[in-house]
N, C-alpha and C. Protein backbone atom coordinates (compact mmCIF):
# COMPACT_ATOMS: atom_id res chain seq x y z
N UNK A 1 -208.34 -165.25 -75.70
CA UNK A 1 -208.45 -165.03 -76.88
C UNK A 1 -209.42 -165.22 -77.85
N UNK A 2 -210.62 -165.49 -78.27
CA UNK A 2 -211.41 -166.63 -78.86
C UNK A 2 -210.97 -166.63 -80.26
N UNK A 3 -211.50 -167.28 -81.10
CA UNK A 3 -211.13 -167.85 -82.68
C UNK A 3 -212.39 -166.47 -82.88
N UNK A 4 -212.73 -165.96 -82.87
CA UNK A 4 -213.68 -164.31 -83.52
C UNK A 4 -212.53 -163.87 -83.87
N UNK A 5 -211.60 -163.14 -82.47
CA UNK A 5 -210.50 -161.57 -82.35
C UNK A 5 -209.18 -162.47 -83.17
N UNK A 6 -208.88 -164.16 -83.32
CA UNK A 6 -207.95 -164.22 -83.48
C UNK A 6 -208.45 -164.81 -85.41
N UNK A 7 -209.69 -164.17 -85.58
CA UNK A 7 -210.10 -164.49 -87.14
C UNK A 7 -209.58 -162.91 -87.69
N UNK A 8 -210.11 -161.77 -86.74
CA UNK A 8 -209.99 -160.54 -87.02
C UNK A 8 -208.71 -159.98 -86.98
N UNK A 9 -207.71 -159.95 -86.32
CA UNK A 9 -206.61 -159.73 -86.06
C UNK A 9 -205.53 -160.55 -87.35
N UNK A 10 -206.20 -161.90 -87.73
CA UNK A 10 -205.13 -161.77 -88.68
C UNK A 10 -205.96 -161.62 -90.32
N UNK A 11 -207.56 -161.16 -90.36
CA UNK A 11 -207.24 -160.61 -91.42
C UNK A 11 -207.04 -159.10 -91.79
N UNK A 12 -206.47 -158.27 -90.58
CA UNK A 12 -205.93 -157.28 -90.77
C UNK A 12 -204.77 -157.52 -90.25
N UNK A 13 -203.48 -158.44 -90.19
CA UNK A 13 -202.03 -158.66 -90.86
C UNK A 13 -202.32 -159.05 -92.27
N UNK A 14 -203.17 -159.58 -92.54
CA UNK A 14 -203.00 -160.55 -94.00
C UNK A 14 -203.33 -158.97 -94.80
N UNK A 15 -204.04 -158.01 -94.56
CA UNK A 15 -204.37 -156.21 -95.30
C UNK A 15 -203.10 -155.74 -95.10
N UNK A 16 -202.14 -155.45 -93.46
CA UNK A 16 -200.79 -154.98 -93.29
C UNK A 16 -200.22 -155.23 -94.37
N UNK A 17 -199.99 -156.71 -95.05
CA UNK A 17 -199.01 -157.03 -95.33
C UNK A 17 -199.00 -157.09 -96.62
N UNK A 18 -200.84 -156.99 -97.45
CA UNK A 18 -200.72 -156.52 -98.67
C UNK A 18 -200.54 -155.92 -99.34
N UNK A 19 -200.01 -154.37 -98.45
CA UNK A 19 -199.90 -153.25 -99.09
C UNK A 19 -198.75 -152.92 -99.28
N UNK A 20 -198.30 -151.99 -100.28
CA UNK A 20 -197.07 -152.27 -100.91
C UNK A 20 -196.79 -150.56 -100.61
N UNK A 21 -195.96 -150.39 -99.94
CA UNK A 21 -195.14 -148.81 -100.26
C UNK A 21 -194.96 -148.19 -100.80
N UNK A 22 -195.31 -147.26 -101.53
CA UNK A 22 -194.50 -146.58 -102.57
C UNK A 22 -193.30 -146.21 -102.19
N UNK A 23 -193.00 -145.23 -101.06
CA UNK A 23 -191.96 -144.90 -100.26
C UNK A 23 -190.80 -145.59 -100.19
N UNK A 24 -189.54 -145.17 -101.17
CA UNK A 24 -188.53 -145.98 -100.89
C UNK A 24 -187.87 -145.73 -99.34
N UNK A 25 -187.30 -146.54 -98.74
CA UNK A 25 -186.65 -146.27 -97.62
C UNK A 25 -185.34 -144.80 -98.16
N UNK A 26 -184.80 -144.59 -96.97
CA UNK A 26 -183.33 -143.64 -97.49
C UNK A 26 -183.07 -143.82 -95.93
N UNK A 27 -181.64 -143.89 -95.72
CA UNK A 27 -181.22 -143.69 -94.06
C UNK A 27 -180.45 -142.25 -94.34
N UNK A 28 -181.33 -142.37 -93.01
CA UNK A 28 -180.34 -140.84 -92.36
C UNK A 28 -178.27 -141.26 -92.49
N UNK A 29 -178.30 -140.04 -93.60
CA UNK A 29 -176.57 -140.85 -93.72
C UNK A 29 -175.66 -140.10 -92.24
N UNK A 30 -176.32 -138.71 -92.59
CA UNK A 30 -175.20 -138.10 -91.09
C UNK A 30 -175.17 -138.77 -89.94
N UNK A 31 -176.76 -139.34 -89.59
CA UNK A 31 -177.02 -139.83 -88.17
C UNK A 31 -176.00 -141.36 -87.85
N UNK A 32 -176.64 -141.89 -89.12
CA UNK A 32 -175.42 -143.25 -89.58
C UNK A 32 -174.51 -142.88 -89.16
N UNK A 33 -173.38 -142.05 -89.88
CA UNK A 33 -172.30 -141.97 -89.98
C UNK A 33 -171.86 -141.32 -88.22
N UNK A 34 -172.59 -140.25 -87.83
CA UNK A 34 -171.99 -140.50 -86.25
C UNK A 34 -171.97 -141.80 -85.91
N UNK A 35 -173.02 -142.48 -86.00
CA UNK A 35 -172.79 -143.46 -84.52
C UNK A 35 -171.95 -144.48 -85.34
N UNK A 36 -172.07 -145.27 -86.34
CA UNK A 36 -170.80 -145.53 -86.95
C UNK A 36 -169.33 -145.06 -86.59
N UNK A 37 -168.97 -143.82 -86.40
CA UNK A 37 -168.17 -143.63 -85.43
C UNK A 37 -168.06 -143.63 -84.68
N UNK A 38 -169.09 -143.42 -83.26
CA UNK A 38 -168.79 -143.56 -82.26
C UNK A 38 -168.10 -145.28 -82.00
N UNK A 39 -168.34 -146.46 -82.86
CA UNK A 39 -168.57 -147.49 -82.64
C UNK A 39 -167.34 -148.19 -82.91
N UNK A 40 -166.92 -148.07 -83.85
CA UNK A 40 -165.36 -147.40 -84.89
C UNK A 40 -164.52 -147.32 -83.63
N UNK A 41 -164.87 -145.93 -83.10
CA UNK A 41 -164.50 -145.54 -82.21
C UNK A 41 -164.06 -146.35 -80.28
N UNK A 42 -165.05 -146.71 -79.84
CA UNK A 42 -165.44 -148.29 -79.15
C UNK A 42 -164.26 -149.05 -79.26
N UNK A 43 -164.10 -149.42 -80.63
CA UNK A 43 -163.75 -151.27 -80.93
C UNK A 43 -162.14 -149.97 -80.65
N UNK A 44 -161.86 -149.00 -81.02
CA UNK A 44 -160.16 -149.14 -81.23
C UNK A 44 -159.88 -148.73 -80.02
N UNK A 45 -160.86 -148.46 -79.03
CA UNK A 45 -160.35 -148.63 -78.03
C UNK A 45 -159.91 -149.70 -77.28
N UNK A 46 -161.38 -150.30 -77.07
CA UNK A 46 -161.37 -151.88 -76.42
C UNK A 46 -159.89 -152.70 -77.78
N UNK A 47 -159.55 -152.35 -78.74
CA UNK A 47 -158.30 -153.38 -79.32
C UNK A 47 -157.34 -152.65 -78.39
N UNK A 48 -156.99 -151.19 -77.76
CA UNK A 48 -155.87 -150.83 -77.37
C UNK A 48 -155.86 -151.29 -75.95
N UNK A 49 -156.66 -151.41 -75.31
CA UNK A 49 -157.61 -152.05 -73.60
C UNK A 49 -156.16 -153.27 -73.53
N UNK A 50 -156.95 -154.04 -74.41
CA UNK A 50 -156.90 -155.10 -74.38
C UNK A 50 -155.57 -155.88 -74.60
N UNK A 51 -155.18 -155.08 -76.02
CA UNK A 51 -153.46 -155.24 -76.47
C UNK A 51 -152.88 -155.10 -75.52
N UNK A 52 -152.73 -154.19 -74.72
CA UNK A 52 -151.62 -153.54 -73.35
C UNK A 52 -152.40 -154.53 -72.85
N UNK A 53 -153.04 -154.93 -72.42
CA UNK A 53 -153.02 -155.47 -70.91
C UNK A 53 -152.93 -156.83 -71.44
N UNK A 54 -153.15 -157.69 -72.48
CA UNK A 54 -152.46 -158.73 -72.81
C UNK A 54 -150.84 -158.73 -72.46
N UNK A 55 -150.53 -157.88 -73.30
CA UNK A 55 -148.86 -157.99 -73.47
C UNK A 55 -147.85 -157.89 -71.49
N UNK A 56 -149.20 -157.16 -71.31
CA UNK A 56 -148.76 -156.50 -69.74
C UNK A 56 -148.77 -158.20 -68.56
N UNK A 57 -149.97 -158.94 -69.53
CA UNK A 57 -150.00 -160.06 -68.13
C UNK A 57 -149.27 -161.57 -68.46
N UNK A 58 -149.13 -161.06 -70.05
CA UNK A 58 -148.70 -162.54 -70.44
C UNK A 58 -147.39 -162.19 -69.66
N UNK A 59 -146.53 -160.79 -70.44
CA UNK A 59 -145.17 -160.53 -69.43
C UNK A 59 -144.49 -161.43 -68.27
N UNK A 60 -146.12 -160.68 -66.93
CA UNK A 60 -146.17 -161.07 -66.04
C UNK A 60 -145.95 -162.79 -65.50
N UNK A 61 -146.56 -163.43 -66.62
CA UNK A 61 -146.89 -164.33 -66.39
C UNK A 61 -145.51 -165.71 -67.07
N UNK A 62 -144.58 -164.93 -67.97
CA UNK A 62 -143.98 -165.73 -68.25
C UNK A 62 -142.80 -165.43 -67.26
N UNK A 63 -142.74 -163.99 -66.72
CA UNK A 63 -141.14 -163.80 -65.28
C UNK A 63 -142.02 -164.24 -64.18
N UNK A 64 -143.13 -164.75 -63.67
CA UNK A 64 -143.16 -165.37 -62.61
C UNK A 64 -143.50 -164.34 -61.14
N UNK A 65 -143.94 -162.92 -62.14
CA UNK A 65 -144.17 -162.10 -60.81
C UNK A 65 -145.15 -162.60 -59.92
N UNK A 66 -144.94 -162.11 -58.25
CA UNK A 66 -146.36 -162.75 -57.94
C UNK A 66 -147.11 -163.47 -58.02
N UNK A 67 -146.15 -165.14 -58.36
CA UNK A 67 -147.68 -165.85 -58.82
C UNK A 67 -147.87 -165.96 -57.06
N UNK A 68 -147.51 -165.83 -56.36
CA UNK A 68 -148.40 -166.35 -55.16
C UNK A 68 -150.19 -165.87 -54.60
N UNK A 69 -150.35 -165.33 -54.98
CA UNK A 69 -151.33 -164.01 -55.30
C UNK A 69 -151.95 -164.65 -56.30
N UNK A 70 -151.48 -164.44 -57.32
CA UNK A 70 -152.09 -164.53 -58.58
C UNK A 70 -151.11 -165.54 -59.50
N UNK A 71 -151.76 -166.47 -59.89
CA UNK A 71 -151.22 -167.49 -60.09
C UNK A 71 -150.83 -167.78 -61.65
N UNK A 72 -149.18 -168.30 -61.99
CA UNK A 72 -148.81 -167.92 -63.07
C UNK A 72 -149.88 -168.27 -64.60
N UNK A 73 -150.71 -169.26 -64.45
CA UNK A 73 -151.61 -169.72 -65.32
C UNK A 73 -152.46 -168.92 -65.12
N UNK A 74 -153.82 -168.64 -64.71
CA UNK A 74 -154.44 -167.46 -64.29
C UNK A 74 -153.61 -166.43 -65.13
N UNK A 75 -152.29 -166.22 -65.52
CA UNK A 75 -151.85 -164.62 -65.68
C UNK A 75 -151.52 -164.77 -67.36
N UNK A 76 -151.32 -166.68 -67.54
CA UNK A 76 -151.68 -166.72 -68.87
C UNK A 76 -152.76 -167.42 -69.82
N UNK A 77 -153.56 -167.28 -68.81
CA UNK A 77 -154.94 -167.39 -69.44
C UNK A 77 -155.60 -166.17 -69.82
N UNK A 78 -155.40 -165.66 -68.69
CA UNK A 78 -155.58 -164.07 -69.24
C UNK A 78 -155.15 -163.25 -70.35
N UNK A 79 -154.14 -163.29 -69.90
CA UNK A 79 -152.79 -162.94 -71.54
C UNK A 79 -153.37 -163.75 -72.81
N UNK A 80 -153.38 -164.60 -72.27
CA UNK A 80 -153.84 -164.81 -74.03
C UNK A 80 -155.80 -165.03 -74.53
N UNK A 81 -156.42 -164.56 -73.40
CA UNK A 81 -157.67 -164.39 -74.14
C UNK A 81 -157.79 -162.69 -74.08
N UNK A 82 -156.76 -161.76 -73.20
CA UNK A 82 -157.03 -160.62 -73.49
C UNK A 82 -156.31 -160.23 -75.11
N UNK A 83 -155.58 -161.28 -75.89
CA UNK A 83 -155.01 -161.26 -77.10
C UNK A 83 -155.67 -161.64 -77.83
N UNK A 84 -156.15 -162.80 -77.87
CA UNK A 84 -157.71 -163.34 -78.30
C UNK A 84 -158.35 -161.90 -78.65
N UNK A 85 -159.30 -161.59 -77.83
CA UNK A 85 -160.48 -160.53 -77.64
C UNK A 85 -159.88 -159.02 -78.49
N UNK A 86 -158.58 -159.23 -78.29
CA UNK A 86 -157.95 -157.65 -79.16
C UNK A 86 -158.12 -157.74 -80.26
N UNK A 87 -157.55 -159.04 -80.94
CA UNK A 87 -158.25 -159.57 -82.16
C UNK A 87 -159.42 -159.51 -82.87
N UNK A 88 -160.22 -160.36 -82.21
CA UNK A 88 -161.62 -160.19 -82.87
C UNK A 88 -162.01 -158.39 -82.77
N UNK A 89 -161.74 -157.37 -81.75
CA UNK A 89 -162.24 -156.31 -81.58
C UNK A 89 -161.96 -156.02 -83.06
N UNK A 90 -160.37 -156.52 -83.35
CA UNK A 90 -159.93 -155.93 -84.80
C UNK A 90 -160.75 -155.99 -85.43
N UNK A 91 -161.65 -157.78 -85.66
CA UNK A 91 -161.75 -157.48 -86.82
C UNK A 91 -163.53 -157.00 -86.65
N UNK A 92 -163.83 -157.15 -85.48
CA UNK A 92 -165.15 -155.81 -85.58
C UNK A 92 -165.12 -154.73 -86.15
N UNK A 93 -163.97 -153.95 -85.39
CA UNK A 93 -163.45 -152.66 -86.28
C UNK A 93 -163.37 -152.26 -87.46
N UNK A 94 -163.33 -153.36 -88.41
CA UNK A 94 -162.95 -153.27 -89.62
C UNK A 94 -164.08 -154.00 -90.31
N UNK A 95 -165.25 -154.31 -89.68
CA UNK A 95 -165.83 -154.51 -90.12
C UNK A 95 -166.95 -153.66 -89.82
N UNK A 96 -166.59 -152.62 -89.73
CA UNK A 96 -167.69 -151.62 -89.16
C UNK A 96 -167.54 -150.10 -90.15
N UNK A 97 -166.06 -150.81 -90.47
CA UNK A 97 -165.26 -149.22 -91.12
C UNK A 97 -165.88 -150.23 -92.61
N UNK A 98 -166.38 -151.42 -92.63
CA UNK A 98 -166.21 -151.25 -94.42
C UNK A 98 -167.88 -150.95 -94.80
N UNK A 99 -168.54 -150.33 -93.63
CA UNK A 99 -170.05 -149.92 -93.68
C UNK A 99 -170.51 -148.69 -94.71
N UNK A 100 -170.71 -148.63 -95.61
CA UNK A 100 -170.58 -147.54 -96.09
C UNK A 100 -172.51 -146.72 -96.67
N UNK A 101 -172.23 -146.03 -95.26
CA UNK A 101 -174.13 -145.50 -95.46
C UNK A 101 -174.22 -145.01 -96.48
N UNK A 102 -173.21 -144.46 -97.32
CA UNK A 102 -173.89 -143.31 -98.33
C UNK A 102 -173.15 -143.70 -99.75
N UNK A 103 -173.03 -144.85 -99.87
CA UNK A 103 -172.59 -145.80 -101.22
C UNK A 103 -173.58 -146.89 -101.01
N UNK A 104 -173.83 -147.76 -100.06
CA UNK A 104 -174.63 -148.79 -100.43
C UNK A 104 -175.88 -148.30 -100.11
N UNK A 105 -176.90 -149.69 -100.30
CA UNK A 105 -178.18 -149.16 -100.31
C UNK A 105 -178.90 -149.97 -98.75
N UNK A 106 -179.86 -149.32 -99.06
CA UNK A 106 -180.52 -149.52 -97.53
C UNK A 106 -180.43 -151.09 -97.22
N UNK A 107 -180.44 -151.60 -97.83
CA UNK A 107 -181.12 -153.21 -97.83
C UNK A 107 -179.23 -153.68 -97.49
N UNK A 108 -178.52 -153.28 -97.55
CA UNK A 108 -176.60 -153.54 -97.74
C UNK A 108 -176.50 -152.66 -96.05
N UNK A 109 -176.65 -152.00 -96.64
CA UNK A 109 -176.52 -151.46 -95.00
C UNK A 109 -176.89 -152.49 -93.56
N UNK A 110 -178.53 -152.39 -93.77
CA UNK A 110 -178.97 -153.51 -92.37
C UNK A 110 -178.46 -154.47 -92.47
N UNK A 111 -178.16 -155.22 -93.72
CA UNK A 111 -177.62 -156.46 -93.95
C UNK A 111 -176.04 -156.51 -93.28
N UNK A 112 -175.34 -155.80 -93.21
CA UNK A 112 -174.22 -155.35 -92.96
C UNK A 112 -173.79 -155.12 -91.30
N UNK A 113 -175.15 -154.10 -91.08
CA UNK A 113 -175.16 -153.95 -89.66
C UNK A 113 -175.58 -154.69 -89.11
N UNK A 114 -176.44 -156.17 -89.79
CA UNK A 114 -177.00 -157.19 -88.96
C UNK A 114 -176.43 -158.40 -88.55
N UNK A 115 -175.29 -158.01 -89.71
CA UNK A 115 -173.78 -159.47 -89.23
C UNK A 115 -173.23 -158.76 -88.07
N UNK A 116 -172.72 -157.24 -87.94
CA UNK A 116 -172.01 -157.14 -87.27
C UNK A 116 -173.48 -157.01 -85.81
N UNK A 117 -173.66 -156.87 -85.68
CA UNK A 117 -174.38 -156.87 -84.37
C UNK A 117 -174.49 -158.23 -83.46
N UNK A 118 -174.66 -158.97 -84.36
CA UNK A 118 -174.77 -161.28 -84.54
C UNK A 118 -173.29 -161.30 -83.35
N UNK A 119 -172.72 -160.63 -84.47
CA UNK A 119 -170.50 -160.97 -84.46
C UNK A 119 -170.27 -160.14 -83.02
N UNK A 120 -170.85 -159.07 -83.19
CA UNK A 120 -170.65 -158.31 -81.57
C UNK A 120 -171.01 -159.20 -80.71
N UNK A 121 -172.18 -159.61 -80.41
CA UNK A 121 -173.08 -159.98 -78.98
C UNK A 121 -172.32 -161.63 -79.10
N UNK A 122 -171.96 -162.06 -79.81
CA UNK A 122 -171.42 -163.78 -79.81
C UNK A 122 -170.20 -163.12 -79.10
N UNK A 123 -168.94 -162.29 -80.01
CA UNK A 123 -168.09 -162.39 -78.94
C UNK A 123 -168.44 -162.10 -77.84
N UNK A 124 -169.41 -161.03 -77.29
CA UNK A 124 -169.68 -160.38 -75.65
C UNK A 124 -169.68 -162.03 -75.22
N UNK A 125 -170.42 -162.78 -75.58
CA UNK A 125 -171.41 -163.70 -74.45
C UNK A 125 -170.22 -164.66 -75.07
N UNK A 126 -169.52 -164.93 -75.49
CA UNK A 126 -168.02 -165.81 -75.32
C UNK A 126 -167.31 -164.88 -74.56
N UNK A 127 -166.65 -163.58 -75.20
CA UNK A 127 -166.01 -163.47 -73.49
C UNK A 127 -166.49 -163.34 -71.89
N UNK A 128 -168.13 -163.03 -72.04
CA UNK A 128 -167.88 -162.95 -70.60
C UNK A 128 -168.30 -164.40 -70.24
N UNK A 129 -168.20 -165.24 -70.58
CA UNK A 129 -168.17 -166.76 -70.43
C UNK A 129 -166.25 -167.49 -69.98
N UNK A 130 -165.66 -166.34 -70.73
CA UNK A 130 -164.24 -166.77 -70.06
C UNK A 130 -163.90 -165.41 -68.94
N UNK A 131 -164.27 -164.34 -69.24
CA UNK A 131 -164.32 -164.19 -67.95
C UNK A 131 -164.69 -164.42 -66.39
N UNK A 132 -166.15 -165.12 -66.24
CA UNK A 132 -167.00 -165.89 -65.33
C UNK A 132 -165.96 -167.28 -65.23
N UNK A 133 -165.34 -168.40 -66.18
CA UNK A 133 -164.41 -168.83 -65.77
C UNK A 133 -163.00 -168.93 -65.00
N UNK A 134 -162.48 -167.57 -65.63
CA UNK A 134 -161.48 -166.41 -65.17
C UNK A 134 -161.39 -166.40 -63.56
N UNK A 135 -162.66 -165.95 -63.77
CA UNK A 135 -163.31 -165.04 -62.05
C UNK A 135 -163.40 -166.36 -60.67
N UNK A 136 -164.16 -167.34 -60.98
CA UNK A 136 -164.32 -168.80 -60.58
C UNK A 136 -162.73 -168.97 -60.25
N UNK A 137 -162.17 -169.08 -61.21
CA UNK A 137 -160.77 -169.63 -60.66
C UNK A 137 -160.03 -168.33 -60.14
N UNK A 138 -160.13 -167.27 -60.44
CA UNK A 138 -159.59 -166.54 -59.26
C UNK A 138 -160.30 -166.10 -57.90
N UNK A 139 -161.40 -166.05 -57.99
CA UNK A 139 -161.56 -166.48 -56.78
C UNK A 139 -161.76 -168.12 -55.95
N UNK A 140 -161.48 -168.72 -55.99
CA UNK A 140 -161.34 -170.10 -55.40
C UNK A 140 -159.78 -170.11 -54.78
N UNK A 141 -158.56 -169.31 -55.89
CA UNK A 141 -157.66 -169.24 -55.41
C UNK A 141 -156.79 -168.42 -54.15
N UNK A 142 -158.04 -166.93 -54.44
CA UNK A 142 -157.75 -166.31 -53.34
C UNK A 142 -158.48 -166.40 -52.08
N UNK A 143 -159.64 -166.72 -52.03
CA UNK A 143 -160.28 -167.55 -51.36
C UNK A 143 -159.77 -168.52 -49.94
N UNK A 144 -158.85 -169.25 -50.32
CA UNK A 144 -157.79 -169.96 -49.75
C UNK A 144 -156.72 -168.89 -48.86
N UNK A 145 -156.41 -168.19 -49.49
CA UNK A 145 -155.91 -167.28 -48.81
C UNK A 145 -155.69 -165.77 -48.09
N UNK A 146 -157.33 -165.32 -48.46
CA UNK A 146 -157.58 -164.29 -47.58
C UNK A 146 -158.93 -163.94 -48.32
N UNK A 147 -159.75 -164.10 -46.99
CA UNK A 147 -161.40 -163.63 -47.79
C UNK A 147 -161.38 -162.24 -48.84
N UNK A 148 -160.69 -161.49 -47.45
CA UNK A 148 -160.75 -159.94 -47.99
C UNK A 148 -160.51 -159.80 -49.17
N UNK A 149 -159.61 -160.58 -50.09
CA UNK A 149 -159.11 -159.85 -51.19
C UNK A 149 -160.24 -160.26 -51.99
N UNK A 150 -160.93 -161.55 -51.44
CA UNK A 150 -162.07 -161.95 -52.32
C UNK A 150 -163.02 -160.97 -52.76
N UNK A 151 -163.32 -160.62 -51.31
CA UNK A 151 -164.53 -159.08 -51.06
C UNK A 151 -164.25 -158.01 -51.90
N UNK A 152 -162.85 -157.80 -51.62
CA UNK A 152 -162.48 -156.38 -52.90
C UNK A 152 -162.74 -156.57 -54.21
N UNK A 153 -162.00 -157.62 -54.87
CA UNK A 153 -161.70 -157.50 -55.84
C UNK A 153 -164.42 -157.89 -56.72
N UNK A 154 -164.20 -158.46 -55.49
CA UNK A 154 -165.99 -158.73 -56.02
C UNK A 154 -166.66 -157.38 -56.29
N UNK A 155 -165.75 -156.88 -55.34
CA UNK A 155 -166.31 -155.25 -55.15
C UNK A 155 -166.16 -154.72 -56.03
N UNK A 156 -164.78 -154.71 -56.28
CA UNK A 156 -164.18 -153.92 -58.10
C UNK A 156 -165.75 -153.91 -58.85
N UNK A 157 -165.80 -155.75 -59.10
CA UNK A 157 -166.40 -156.38 -60.28
C UNK A 157 -167.61 -155.89 -60.80
N UNK A 158 -168.29 -156.13 -58.85
CA UNK A 158 -169.87 -154.91 -59.55
C UNK A 158 -169.76 -154.06 -59.74
N UNK A 159 -168.76 -152.99 -59.35
CA UNK A 159 -168.54 -151.47 -59.50
C UNK A 159 -168.20 -151.58 -61.16
N UNK A 160 -168.01 -152.83 -61.82
CA UNK A 160 -167.81 -152.75 -63.44
C UNK A 160 -168.73 -153.54 -64.11
N UNK A 161 -169.43 -154.25 -63.45
CA UNK A 161 -170.53 -154.81 -63.86
C UNK A 161 -171.41 -153.47 -64.02
N UNK A 162 -171.73 -152.64 -63.42
CA UNK A 162 -172.62 -151.34 -62.93
C UNK A 162 -172.37 -150.82 -64.73
N UNK A 163 -171.30 -149.94 -64.78
CA UNK A 163 -169.95 -149.35 -65.41
C UNK A 163 -170.60 -149.75 -67.27
N UNK A 164 -170.59 -151.12 -66.91
CA UNK A 164 -170.81 -151.50 -68.24
C UNK A 164 -171.65 -151.72 -68.65
N UNK A 165 -172.94 -152.07 -67.76
CA UNK A 165 -174.32 -152.28 -68.15
C UNK A 165 -174.14 -150.47 -68.52
N UNK A 166 -174.34 -149.94 -68.42
CA UNK A 166 -174.06 -148.25 -68.95
C UNK A 166 -174.24 -148.03 -70.00
N UNK A 167 -172.48 -148.55 -70.97
CA UNK A 167 -171.95 -148.56 -71.38
C UNK A 167 -172.67 -149.58 -72.72
N UNK A 168 -172.50 -150.54 -71.89
CA UNK A 168 -174.17 -150.69 -73.48
C UNK A 168 -174.77 -150.67 -73.53
N UNK A 169 -175.70 -149.88 -72.68
CA UNK A 169 -176.71 -149.00 -73.30
C UNK A 169 -176.47 -147.61 -74.69
N UNK A 170 -175.41 -147.15 -74.35
CA UNK A 170 -175.14 -146.08 -75.42
C UNK A 170 -174.65 -147.24 -77.02
N UNK A 171 -174.01 -148.22 -76.21
CA UNK A 171 -173.76 -148.60 -77.40
C UNK A 171 -175.00 -149.45 -78.28
N UNK A 172 -175.77 -150.54 -77.78
CA UNK A 172 -177.64 -150.67 -78.33
C UNK A 172 -177.61 -149.25 -78.61
N UNK A 173 -177.34 -148.04 -78.42
CA UNK A 173 -178.39 -147.16 -78.85
C UNK A 173 -177.36 -146.59 -80.04
N UNK A 174 -176.12 -147.20 -80.13
CA UNK A 174 -175.46 -146.50 -81.54
C UNK A 174 -175.28 -147.21 -82.68
N UNK A 175 -176.14 -148.67 -82.02
CA UNK A 175 -176.02 -149.70 -83.52
C UNK A 175 -177.78 -150.15 -83.45
N UNK A 176 -178.42 -148.99 -83.15
CA UNK A 176 -180.57 -148.75 -83.66
C UNK A 176 -180.56 -147.23 -84.04
N UNK A 177 -179.30 -146.39 -84.19
CA UNK A 177 -178.79 -145.45 -85.27
C UNK A 177 -178.11 -145.55 -86.10
N UNK A 178 -177.76 -146.99 -85.94
CA UNK A 178 -176.26 -147.12 -87.23
C UNK A 178 -177.49 -147.15 -88.70
N UNK A 179 -178.97 -147.67 -88.47
CA UNK A 179 -179.96 -147.94 -89.75
C UNK A 179 -180.83 -146.66 -89.01
N UNK A 180 -180.67 -145.65 -89.57
CA UNK A 180 -181.93 -144.73 -88.64
C UNK A 180 -182.14 -144.21 -89.81
N UNK A 181 -183.30 -144.14 -90.10
CA UNK A 181 -184.28 -144.08 -91.27
C UNK A 181 -185.36 -142.29 -91.51
N UNK A 182 -184.51 -142.16 -92.59
CA UNK A 182 -185.47 -140.03 -92.49
C UNK A 182 -187.12 -140.20 -92.17
């Protein structure tokens, strides 16, 4: 891009930024509330799943069930991680329910949604790191016992990642719809 094209682009950008819109922003309340309901339902489901699995892994870790294949330390690690994840999803659920599209101004709603998106993203990244650590420790332990068990778990993990990517697309769509403008 040469200097003349850059000057032309900058002047066009200045003109666009100088224009003021006379129409106020109005969110599509029904669409936003249905997206909010789907996100809240997802978080409720995650709270239940993580909570139940946390209790199961903590109890089997404390009881020492099948410790030769699935070590007690890994069960306790997974149980504590899932318990923290359940608490985190509870926080996200509460923050989702605090969004009131009907009574808040569009800027307040967009600010709350942006904060919720960032919180959800940070939580999911931390969760993926913890899951990577867990499976690294589990695979190294299982590799010493039986190689086929590692491959079975890796195959199931691959299928779970494909499914999660599909669900992630739906969640991203719901977050985008949460601030739908009329």
